[in-house]
Amino acid sequence: LRTPLAISQTLLDVARNDPNQDTGELVDRLHAVNARAIDLTEAL
């Protein structure tokens, strides 16, 4: 459970430090990480 949260935190930190980053790509990656966290929670 900590892994997807850590990945999300890293992605958000990178985005905050790089305002010119493609937000679409960021949203897609965050969506995938969040979906995995939901799948894990539901399995538990």
All heavy atoms as atom14 arrays in JSON, in Angstrom:
{
  "sequence": "LRTPLAISQTLLDVARNDPNQDTGELVDRLHAVNARAIDLTEAL",
  "atom14_mask": [
    [1, 1, 1, 1, 1, 1, 1, 1, 0, 0, 0, 0, 0, 0],
    [1, 1, 1, 1, 1, 1, 1, 1, 1, 1, 1, 0, 0, 0],
    [1, 1, 1, 1, 1, 1, 1, 0, 0, 0, 0, 0, 0, 0],
    [1, 1, 1, 1, 1, 1, 1, 0, 0, 0, 0, 0, 0, 0],
    [1, 1, 1, 1, 1, 1, 1, 1, 0, 0, 0, 0, 0, 0],
    [1, 1, 1, 1, 1, 0, 0, 0, 0, 0, 0, 0, 0, 0],
    [1, 1, 1, 1, 1, 1, 1, 1, 0, 0, 0, 0, 0, 0],
    [1, 1, 1, 1, 1, 1, 0, 0, 0, 0, 0, 0, 0, 0],
    [1, 1, 1, 1, 1, 1, 1, 1, 1, 0, 0, 0, 0, 0],
    [1, 1, 1, 1, 1, 1, 1, 0, 0, 0, 0, 0, 0, 0],
    [1, 1, 1, 1, 1, 1, 1, 1, 0, 0, 0, 0, 0, 0],
    [1, 1, 1, 1, 1, 1, 1, 1, 0, 0, 0, 0, 0, 0],
    [1, 1, 1, 1, 1, 1, 1, 1, 0, 0, 0, 0, 0, 0],
    [1, 1, 1, 1, 1, 1, 1, 0, 0, 0, 0, 0, 0, 0],
    [1, 1, 1, 1, 1, 0, 0, 0, 0, 0, 0, 0, 0, 0],
    [1, 1, 1, 1, 1, 1, 1, 1, 1, 1, 1, 0, 0, 0],
    [1, 1, 1, 1, 1, 1, 1, 1, 0, 0, 0, 0, 0, 0],
    [1, 1, 1, 1, 1, 1, 1, 1, 0, 0, 0, 0, 0, 0],
    [1, 1, 1, 1, 1, 1, 1, 0, 0, 0, 0, 0, 0, 0],
    [1, 1, 1, 1, 1, 1, 1, 1, 0, 0, 0, 0, 0, 0],
    [1, 1, 1, 1, 1, 1, 1, 1, 1, 0, 0, 0, 0, 0],
    [1, 1, 1, 1, 1, 1, 1, 1, 0, 0, 0, 0, 0, 0],
    [1, 1, 1, 1, 1, 1, 1, 0, 0, 0, 0, 0, 0, 0],
    [1, 1, 1, 1, 0, 0, 0, 0, 0, 0, 0, 0, 0, 0],
    [1, 1, 1, 1, 1, 1, 1, 1, 1, 0, 0, 0, 0, 0],
    [1, 1, 1, 1, 1, 1, 1, 1, 0, 0, 0, 0, 0, 0],
    [1, 1, 1, 1, 1, 1, 1, 0, 0, 0, 0, 0, 0, 0],
    [1, 1, 1, 1, 1, 1, 1, 1, 0, 0, 0, 0, 0, 0],
    [1, 1, 1, 1, 1, 1, 1, 1, 1, 1, 1, 0, 0, 0],
    [1, 1, 1, 1, 1, 1, 1, 1, 0, 0, 0, 0, 0, 0],
    [1, 1, 1, 1, 1, 1, 1, 1, 1, 1, 0, 0, 0, 0],
    [1, 1, 1, 1, 1, 0, 0, 0, 0, 0, 0, 0, 0, 0],
    [1, 1, 1, 1, 1, 1, 1, 0, 0, 0, 0, 0, 0, 0],
    [1, 1, 1, 1, 1, 1, 1, 1, 0, 0, 0, 0, 0, 0],
    [1, 1, 1, 1, 1, 0, 0, 0, 0, 0, 0, 0, 0, 0],
    [1, 1, 1, 1, 1, 1, 1, 1, 1, 1, 1, 0, 0, 0],
    [1, 1, 1, 1, 1, 0, 0, 0, 0, 0, 0, 0, 0, 0],
    [1, 1, 1, 1, 1, 1, 1, 1, 0, 0, 0, 0, 0, 0],
    [1, 1, 1, 1, 1, 1, 1, 1, 0, 0, 0, 0, 0, 0],
    [1, 1, 1, 1, 1, 1, 1, 1, 0, 0, 0, 0, 0, 0],
    [1, 1, 1, 1, 1, 1, 1, 0, 0, 0, 0, 0, 0, 0],
    [1, 1, 1, 1, 1, 1, 1, 1, 1, 0, 0, 0, 0, 0],
    [1, 1, 1, 1, 1, 0, 0, 0, 0, 0, 0, 0, 0, 0],
    [1, 1, 1, 1, 1, 1, 1, 1, 0, 0, 0, 0, 0, 0]
  ],
  "atom14_positions": [
    [[0.83, -1.21, 0.0], [0.0, 0.0, 0.0], [0.86, 1.26, 0.0], [0.47, 2.29, -0.55], [-0.92, 0.0, 1.22], [-2.13, -0.94, 1.14], [-2.79, -1.05, 2.51], [-3.13, -0.44, 0.11], [0.0, 0.0, 0.0], [0.0, 0.0, 0.0], [0.0, 0.0, 0.0], [0.0, 0.0, 0.0], [0.0, 0.0, 0.0], [0.0, 0.0, 0.0]],
    [[2.03, 1.18, 0.62], [2.9, 2.35, 0.68], [3.51, 2.67, -0.68], [3.74, 3.85, -1.01], [4.03, 2.1, 1.69], [4.97, 3.29, 1.89], [5.97, 2.99, 2.97], [6.78, 1.82, 2.65], [7.67, 1.29, 3.48], [7.84, 1.8, 4.68], [8.37, 0.24, 3.12], [0.0, 0.0, 0.0], [0.0, 0.0, 0.0], [0.0, 0.0, 0.0]],
    [[3.73, 1.63, -1.5], [4.38, 1.84, -2.79], [3.63, 2.8, -3.7], [4.22, 3.78, -4.2], [4.61, 0.49, -3.49], [5.47, -0.31, -2.67], [5.25, 0.69, -4.85], [0.0, 0.0, 0.0], [0.0, 0.0, 0.0], [0.0, 0.0, 0.0], [0.0, 0.0, 0.0], [0.0, 0.0, 0.0], [0.0, 0.0, 0.0], [0.0, 0.0, 0.0]],
    [[2.32, 2.59, -3.99], [1.63, 3.55, -4.85], [1.55, 4.95, -4.25], [1.58, 5.95, -4.98], [0.24, 2.94, -5.03], [0.08, 1.98, -3.93], [1.43, 1.47, -3.62], [0.0, 0.0, 0.0], [0.0, 0.0, 0.0], [0.0, 0.0, 0.0], [0.0, 0.0, 0.0], [0.0, 0.0, 0.0], [0.0, 0.0, 0.0], [0.0, 0.0, 0.0]],
    [[1.47, 5.04, -2.93], [1.44, 6.36, -2.3], [2.77, 7.08, -2.5], [2.81, 8.29, -2.76], [1.12, 6.22, -0.81], [-0.28, 5.71, -0.48], [-0.41, 5.5, 1.03], [-1.34, 6.68, -0.97], [0.0, 0.0, 0.0], [0.0, 0.0, 0.0], [0.0, 0.0, 0.0], [0.0, 0.0, 0.0], [0.0, 0.0, 0.0], [0.0, 0.0, 0.0]],
    [[3.86, 6.33, -2.36], [5.19, 6.92, -2.56], [5.39, 7.36, -4.0], [5.96, 8.43, -4.28], [6.27, 5.92, -2.15], [0.0, 0.0, 0.0], [0.0, 0.0, 0.0], [0.0, 0.0, 0.0], [0.0, 0.0, 0.0], [0.0, 0.0, 0.0], [0.0, 0.0, 0.0], [0.0, 0.0, 0.0], [0.0, 0.0, 0.0], [0.0, 0.0, 0.0]],
    [[4.91, 6.54, -4.94], [5.02, 6.91, -6.36], [4.22, 8.16, -6.65], [4.7, 9.08, -7.35], [4.54, 5.74, -7.24], [5.49, 4.55, -7.1], [4.46, 6.18, -8.7], [5.0, 3.32, -7.82], [0.0, 0.0, 0.0], [0.0, 0.0, 0.0], [0.0, 0.0, 0.0], [0.0, 0.0, 0.0], [0.0, 0.0, 0.0], [0.0, 0.0, 0.0]],
    [[3.01, 8.25, -6.11], [2.18, 9.44, -6.32], [2.85, 10.67, -5.76], [2.85, 11.75, -6.38], [0.8, 9.24, -5.66], [0.09, 8.19, -6.25], [0.0, 0.0, 0.0], [0.0, 0.0, 0.0], [0.0, 0.0, 0.0], [0.0, 0.0, 0.0], [0.0, 0.0, 0.0], [0.0, 0.0, 0.0], [0.0, 0.0, 0.0], [0.0, 0.0, 0.0]],
    [[3.45, 10.53, -4.57], [4.14, 11.66, -3.95], [5.31, 12.12, -4.81], [5.52, 13.33, -5.01], [4.65, 11.25, -2.57], [5.34, 12.37, -1.79], [4.38, 13.51, -1.45], [3.32, 13.27, -0.92], [4.77, 14.73, -1.78], [0.0, 0.0, 0.0], [0.0, 0.0, 0.0], [0.0, 0.0, 0.0], [0.0, 0.0, 0.0], [0.0, 0.0, 0.0]],
    [[6.06, 11.18, -5.37], [7.19, 11.52, -6.23], [6.73, 12.24, -7.48], [7.33, 13.26, -7.9], [7.96, 10.26, -6.62], [8.44, 9.62, -5.43], [9.14, 10.59, -7.52], [0.0, 0.0, 0.0], [0.0, 0.0, 0.0], [0.0, 0.0, 0.0], [0.0, 0.0, 0.0], [0.0, 0.0, 0.0], [0.0, 0.0, 0.0], [0.0, 0.0, 0.0]],
    [[5.67, 11.73, -8.11], [5.14, 12.37, -9.32], [4.68, 13.79, -9.04], [4.93, 14.71, -9.84], [3.98, 11.54, -9.88], [4.33, 10.17, -10.47], [3.06, 9.4, -10.82], [5.21, 10.34, -11.71], [0.0, 0.0, 0.0], [0.0, 0.0, 0.0], [0.0, 0.0, 0.0], [0.0, 0.0, 0.0], [0.0, 0.0, 0.0], [0.0, 0.0, 0.0]],
    [[4.03, 13.99, -7.9], [3.55, 15.33, -7.55], [4.71, 16.27, -7.24], [4.67, 17.46, -7.61], [2.6, 15.24, -6.35], [1.25, 14.57, -6.64], [0.48, 14.35, -5.34], [0.41, 15.4, -7.61], [0.0, 0.0, 0.0], [0.0, 0.0, 0.0], [0.0, 0.0, 0.0], [0.0, 0.0, 0.0], [0.0, 0.0, 0.0], [0.0, 0.0, 0.0]],
    [[5.74, 15.76, -6.58], [6.91, 16.59, -6.28], [7.61, 17.04, -7.56], [8.03, 18.2, -7.7], [7.9, 15.82, -5.39], [7.38, 15.66, -3.97], [6.46, 16.41, -3.59], [7.9, 14.76, -3.26], [0.0, 0.0, 0.0], [0.0, 0.0, 0.0], [0.0, 0.0, 0.0], [0.0, 0.0, 0.0], [0.0, 0.0, 0.0], [0.0, 0.0, 0.0]],
    [[7.75, 16.09, -8.5], [8.38, 16.42, -9.78], [7.57, 17.47, -10.51], [8.11, 18.43, -11.09], [8.55, 15.15, -10.64], [8.99, 15.52, -12.06], [9.56, 14.21, -10.0], [0.0, 0.0, 0.0], [0.0, 0.0, 0.0], [0.0, 0.0, 0.0], [0.0, 0.0, 0.0], [0.0, 0.0, 0.0], [0.0, 0.0, 0.0], [0.0, 0.0, 0.0]],
    [[6.25, 17.31, -10.52], [5.37, 18.25, -11.22], [5.46, 19.64, -10.59], [5.45, 20.66, -11.29], [3.94, 17.74, -11.19], [0.0, 0.0, 0.0], [0.0, 0.0, 0.0], [0.0, 0.0, 0.0], [0.0, 0.0, 0.0], [0.0, 0.0, 0.0], [0.0, 0.0, 0.0], [0.0, 0.0, 0.0], [0.0, 0.0, 0.0], [0.0, 0.0, 0.0]],
    [[5.54, 19.69, -9.26], [5.61, 20.98, -8.59], [6.92, 21.69, -8.89], [6.95, 22.92, -9.02], [5.46, 20.78, -7.08], [5.46, 22.08, -6.28], [5.07, 21.83, -4.85], [5.95, 20.86, -4.21], [5.77, 20.41, -2.96], [4.74, 20.84, -2.26], [6.62, 19.52, -2.46], [0.0, 0.0, 0.0], [0.0, 0.0, 0.0], [0.0, 0.0, 0.0]],
    [[8.0, 20.92, -9.03], [9.3, 21.51, -9.31], [9.53, 21.82, -10.78], [10.5, 22.49, -11.15], [10.42, 20.58, -8.81], [10.39, 20.42, -7.3], [10.03, 21.35, -6.58], [10.78, 19.24, -6.82], [0.0, 0.0, 0.0], [0.0, 0.0, 0.0], [0.0, 0.0, 0.0], [0.0, 0.0, 0.0], [0.0, 0.0, 0.0], [0.0, 0.0, 0.0]],
    [[8.64, 21.29, -11.63], [8.76, 21.52, -13.08], [7.41, 21.96, -13.62], [6.63, 21.15, -14.13], [9.24, 20.25, -13.78], [9.46, 20.47, -15.28], [9.38, 21.64, -15.72], [9.7, 19.48, -16.0], [0.0, 0.0, 0.0], [0.0, 0.0, 0.0], [0.0, 0.0, 0.0], [0.0, 0.0, 0.0], [0.0, 0.0, 0.0], [0.0, 0.0, 0.0]],
    [[7.09, 23.26, -13.53], [5.79, 23.76, -13.97], [5.52, 23.52, -15.46], [4.36, 23.51, -15.89], [5.87, 25.27, -13.67], [6.96, 25.4, -12.67], [7.94, 24.32, -12.99], [0.0, 0.0, 0.0], [0.0, 0.0, 0.0], [0.0, 0.0, 0.0], [0.0, 0.0, 0.0], [0.0, 0.0, 0.0], [0.0, 0.0, 0.0], [0.0, 0.0, 0.0]],
    [[6.55, 23.32, -16.26], [6.37, 23.14, -17.7], [6.12, 21.68, -18.1], [6.0, 21.38, -19.28], [7.61, 23.66, -18.45], [7.83, 25.14, -18.23], [6.86, 25.91, -18.18], [9.08, 25.55, -18.08], [0.0, 0.0, 0.0], [0.0, 0.0, 0.0], [0.0, 0.0, 0.0], [0.0, 0.0, 0.0], [0.0, 0.0, 0.0], [0.0, 0.0, 0.0]],
    [[6.05, 20.8, -17.13], [5.84, 19.39, -17.45], [4.45, 19.18, -18.05], [3.49, 19.87, -17.71], [5.99, 18.52, -16.2], [5.93, 17.02, -16.48], [5.98, 16.21, -15.19], [5.66, 16.72, -14.13], [6.39, 14.96, -15.3], [0.0, 0.0, 0.0], [0.0, 0.0, 0.0], [0.0, 0.0, 0.0], [0.0, 0.0, 0.0], [0.0, 0.0, 0.0]],
    [[4.34, 18.18, -18.92], [3.07, 17.83, -19.55], [2.11, 17.3, -18.49], [2.3, 16.21, -17.93], [3.3, 16.77, -20.63], [2.01, 16.42, -21.38], [0.97, 17.03, -21.08], [2.07, 15.54, -22.25], [0.0, 0.0, 0.0], [0.0, 0.0, 0.0], [0.0, 0.0, 0.0], [0.0, 0.0, 0.0], [0.0, 0.0, 0.0], [0.0, 0.0, 0.0]],
    [[1.06, 18.09, -18.19], [0.11, 17.66, -17.15], [-0.7, 16.45, -17.58], [-1.15, 15.66, -16.73], [-0.83, 18.83, -16.8], [-1.51, 19.26, -17.99], [-0.06, 19.98, -16.19], [0.0, 0.0, 0.0], [0.0, 0.0, 0.0], [0.0, 0.0, 0.0], [0.0, 0.0, 0.0], [0.0, 0.0, 0.0], [0.0, 0.0, 0.0], [0.0, 0.0, 0.0]],
    [[-0.93, 16.28, -18.87], [-1.68, 15.13, -19.34], [-0.99, 13.82, -19.0], [-1.63, 12.87, -18.54], [0.0, 0.0, 0.0], [0.0, 0.0, 0.0], [0.0, 0.0, 0.0], [0.0, 0.0, 0.0], [0.0, 0.0, 0.0], [0.0, 0.0, 0.0], [0.0, 0.0, 0.0], [0.0, 0.0, 0.0], [0.0, 0.0, 0.0], [0.0, 0.0, 0.0]],
    [[0.33, 13.8, -19.21], [1.09, 12.6, -18.87], [1.06, 12.35, -17.37], [0.95, 11.21, -16.91], [2.53, 12.75, -19.35], [3.42, 11.56, -19.03], [4.85, 11.77, -19.45], [5.14, 12.85, -20.03], [5.69, 10.9, -19.17], [0.0, 0.0, 0.0], [0.0, 0.0, 0.0], [0.0, 0.0, 0.0], [0.0, 0.0, 0.0], [0.0, 0.0, 0.0]],
    [[1.17, 13.43, -16.6], [1.14, 13.3, -15.14], [-0.19, 12.71, -14.68], [-0.22, 11.8, -13.85], [1.36, 14.66, -14.49], [1.18, 14.71, -12.96], [2.23, 13.86, -12.28], [1.23, 16.16, -12.46], [0.0, 0.0, 0.0], [0.0, 0.0, 0.0], [0.0, 0.0, 0.0], [0.0, 0.0, 0.0], [0.0, 0.0, 0.0], [0.0, 0.0, 0.0]],
    [[-1.3, 13.22, -15.23], [-2.63, 12.73, -14.85], [-2.76, 11.25, -15.2], [-3.29, 10.45, -14.4], [-3.72, 13.55, -15.53], [-5.08, 12.89, -15.34], [-3.74, 14.97, -14.97], [0.0, 0.0, 0.0], [0.0, 0.0, 0.0], [0.0, 0.0, 0.0], [0.0, 0.0, 0.0], [0.0, 0.0, 0.0], [0.0, 0.0, 0.0], [0.0, 0.0, 0.0]],
    [[-2.28, 10.85, -16.36], [-2.37, 9.44, -16.77], [-1.6, 8.53, -15.81], [-2.1, 7.46, -15.42], [-1.82, 9.27, -18.19], [-2.74, 9.87, -19.24], [-3.93, 10.12, -18.92], [-2.27, 10.11, -20.37], [0.0, 0.0, 0.0], [0.0, 0.0, 0.0], [0.0, 0.0, 0.0], [0.0, 0.0, 0.0], [0.0, 0.0, 0.0], [0.0, 0.0, 0.0]],
    [[-0.4, 8.95, -15.43], [0.41, 8.12, -14.54], [-0.2, 8.08, -13.14], [-0.21, 7.01, -12.5], [1.84, 8.66, -14.49], [2.57, 8.57, -15.83], [3.99, 9.08, -15.73], [4.8, 8.26, -14.85], [6.07, 8.54, -14.55], [6.66, 9.62, -15.05], [6.77, 7.75, -13.75], [0.0, 0.0, 0.0], [0.0, 0.0, 0.0], [0.0, 0.0, 0.0]],
    [[-0.71, 9.21, -12.67], [-1.36, 9.21, -11.36], [-2.62, 8.34, -11.39], [-2.93, 7.65, -10.4], [-1.73, 10.65, -10.96], [-0.58, 11.54, -10.49], [-1.07, 12.96, -10.28], [0.03, 10.99, -9.2], [0.0, 0.0, 0.0], [0.0, 0.0, 0.0], [0.0, 0.0, 0.0], [0.0, 0.0, 0.0], [0.0, 0.0, 0.0], [0.0, 0.0, 0.0]],
    [[-3.35, 8.37, -12.49], [-4.55, 7.55, -12.61], [-4.2, 6.07, -12.53], [-4.88, 5.28, -11.85], [-5.26, 7.85, -13.93], [-6.54, 7.1, -14.12], [-6.58, 5.83, -14.68], [-7.82, 7.4, -13.8], [-7.82, 5.4, -14.71], [-8.59, 6.33, -14.18], [0.0, 0.0, 0.0], [0.0, 0.0, 0.0], [0.0, 0.0, 0.0], [0.0, 0.0, 0.0]],
    [[-3.13, 5.66, -13.19], [-2.72, 4.26, -13.18], [-2.29, 3.83, -11.78], [-2.64, 2.74, -11.31], [-1.58, 4.04, -14.17], [0.0, 0.0, 0.0], [0.0, 0.0, 0.0], [0.0, 0.0, 0.0], [0.0, 0.0, 0.0], [0.0, 0.0, 0.0], [0.0, 0.0, 0.0], [0.0, 0.0, 0.0], [0.0, 0.0, 0.0], [0.0, 0.0, 0.0]],
    [[-1.53, 4.69, -11.11], [-1.07, 4.37, -9.76], [-2.25, 4.3, -8.8], [-2.34, 3.39, -7.96], [-0.05, 5.42, -9.27], [0.29, 5.19, -7.8], [1.21, 5.37, -10.12], [0.0, 0.0, 0.0], [0.0, 0.0, 0.0], [0.0, 0.0, 0.0], [0.0, 0.0, 0.0], [0.0, 0.0, 0.0], [0.0, 0.0, 0.0], [0.0, 0.0, 0.0]],
    [[-3.19, 5.23, -8.93], [-4.36, 5.24, -8.06], [-5.22, 4.0, -8.3], [-5.76, 3.41, -7.35], [-5.17, 6.51, -8.31], [-6.32, 6.64, -7.32], [-6.1, 6.78, -6.12], [-7.55, 6.61, -7.82], [0.0, 0.0, 0.0], [0.0, 0.0, 0.0], [0.0, 0.0, 0.0], [0.0, 0.0, 0.0], [0.0, 0.0, 0.0], [0.0, 0.0, 0.0]],
    [[-5.37, 3.6, -9.57], [-6.16, 2.41, -9.89], [-5.55, 1.18, -9.25], [-6.27, 0.3, -8.75], [-6.26, 2.24, -11.4], [0.0, 0.0, 0.0], [0.0, 0.0, 0.0], [0.0, 0.0, 0.0], [0.0, 0.0, 0.0], [0.0, 0.0, 0.0], [0.0, 0.0, 0.0], [0.0, 0.0, 0.0], [0.0, 0.0, 0.0], [0.0, 0.0, 0.0]],
    [[-4.24, 1.09, -9.26], [-3.57, -0.06, -8.65], [-3.8, -0.08, -7.14], [-4.01, -1.14, -6.55], [-2.08, -0.03, -8.96], [-1.33, -1.22, -8.38], [0.09, -1.27, -8.88], [0.8, -2.42, -8.32], [0.69, -3.66, -8.75], [-0.12, -3.92, -9.76], [1.36, -4.65, -8.2], [0.0, 0.0, 0.0], [0.0, 0.0, 0.0], [0.0, 0.0, 0.0]],
    [[-3.76, 1.09, -6.5], [-4.0, 1.17, -5.06], [-5.44, 0.74, -4.74], [-5.68, 0.04, -3.74], [-3.73, 2.58, -4.55], [0.0, 0.0, 0.0], [0.0, 0.0, 0.0], [0.0, 0.0, 0.0], [0.0, 0.0, 0.0], [0.0, 0.0, 0.0], [0.0, 0.0, 0.0], [0.0, 0.0, 0.0], [0.0, 0.0, 0.0], [0.0, 0.0, 0.0]],
    [[-6.38, 1.13, -5.57], [-7.78, 0.74, -5.37], [-7.93, -0.77, -5.53], [-8.61, -1.43, -4.74], [-8.7, 1.49, -6.35], [-8.74, 2.98, -5.99], [-10.11, 0.9, -6.34], [-9.49, 3.82, -6.99], [0.0, 0.0, 0.0], [0.0, 0.0, 0.0], [0.0, 0.0, 0.0], [0.0, 0.0, 0.0], [0.0, 0.0, 0.0], [0.0, 0.0, 0.0]],
    [[-7.3, -1.33, -6.56], [-7.37, -2.78, -6.78], [-6.83, -3.54, -5.58], [-7.41, -4.55, -5.15], [-6.58, -3.16, -8.03], [-7.25, -2.7, -9.32], [-8.45, -2.38, -9.27], [-6.56, -2.66, -10.37], [0.0, 0.0, 0.0], [0.0, 0.0, 0.0], [0.0, 0.0, 0.0], [0.0, 0.0, 0.0], [0.0, 0.0, 0.0], [0.0, 0.0, 0.0]],
    [[-5.72, -3.08, -5.04], [-5.12, -3.73, -3.89], [-6.04, -3.65, -2.68], [-6.26, -4.63, -1.97], [-3.77, -3.1, -3.57], [-3.08, -3.59, -2.3], [-2.86, -5.1, -2.35], [-1.75, -2.87, -2.1], [0.0, 0.0, 0.0], [0.0, 0.0, 0.0], [0.0, 0.0, 0.0], [0.0, 0.0, 0.0], [0.0, 0.0, 0.0], [0.0, 0.0, 0.0]],
    [[-6.62, -2.47, -2.44], [-7.53, -2.3, -1.3], [-8.74, -3.19, -1.42], [-9.17, -3.83, -0.45], [-7.96, -0.83, -1.19], [-6.8, 0.01, -1.1], [-8.81, -0.61, 0.04], [0.0, 0.0, 0.0], [0.0, 0.0, 0.0], [0.0, 0.0, 0.0], [0.0, 0.0, 0.0], [0.0, 0.0, 0.0], [0.0, 0.0, 0.0], [0.0, 0.0, 0.0]],
    [[-9.32, -3.27, -2.62], [-10.48, -4.13, -2.83], [-10.12, -5.6, -2.64], [-10.9, -6.37, -2.07], [-11.06, -3.9, -4.22], [-11.73, -2.53, -4.38], [-12.29, -2.32, -5.77], [-11.94, -3.1, -6.68], [-13.08, -1.36, -5.95], [0.0, 0.0, 0.0], [0.0, 0.0, 0.0], [0.0, 0.0, 0.0], [0.0, 0.0, 0.0], [0.0, 0.0, 0.0]],
    [[-8.93, -6.0, -3.08], [-8.5, -7.38, -2.89], [-8.34, -7.7, -1.41], [-8.7, -8.79, -0.95], [-7.19, -7.63, -3.63], [0.0, 0.0, 0.0], [0.0, 0.0, 0.0], [0.0, 0.0, 0.0], [0.0, 0.0, 0.0], [0.0, 0.0, 0.0], [0.0, 0.0, 0.0], [0.0, 0.0, 0.0], [0.0, 0.0, 0.0], [0.0, 0.0, 0.0]],
    [[-7.79, -6.76, -0.65], [-7.65, -6.97, 0.79], [-9.02, -7.1, 1.46], [-9.19, -7.9, 2.38], [-6.86, -5.81, 1.4], [-5.38, -5.74, 1.07], [-4.78, -4.41, 1.53], [-4.63, -6.91, 1.71], [0.0, 0.0, 0.0], [0.0, 0.0, 0.0], [0.0, 0.0, 0.0], [0.0, 0.0, 0.0], [0.0, 0.0, 0.0], [0.0, 0.0, 0.0]]
  ]
}
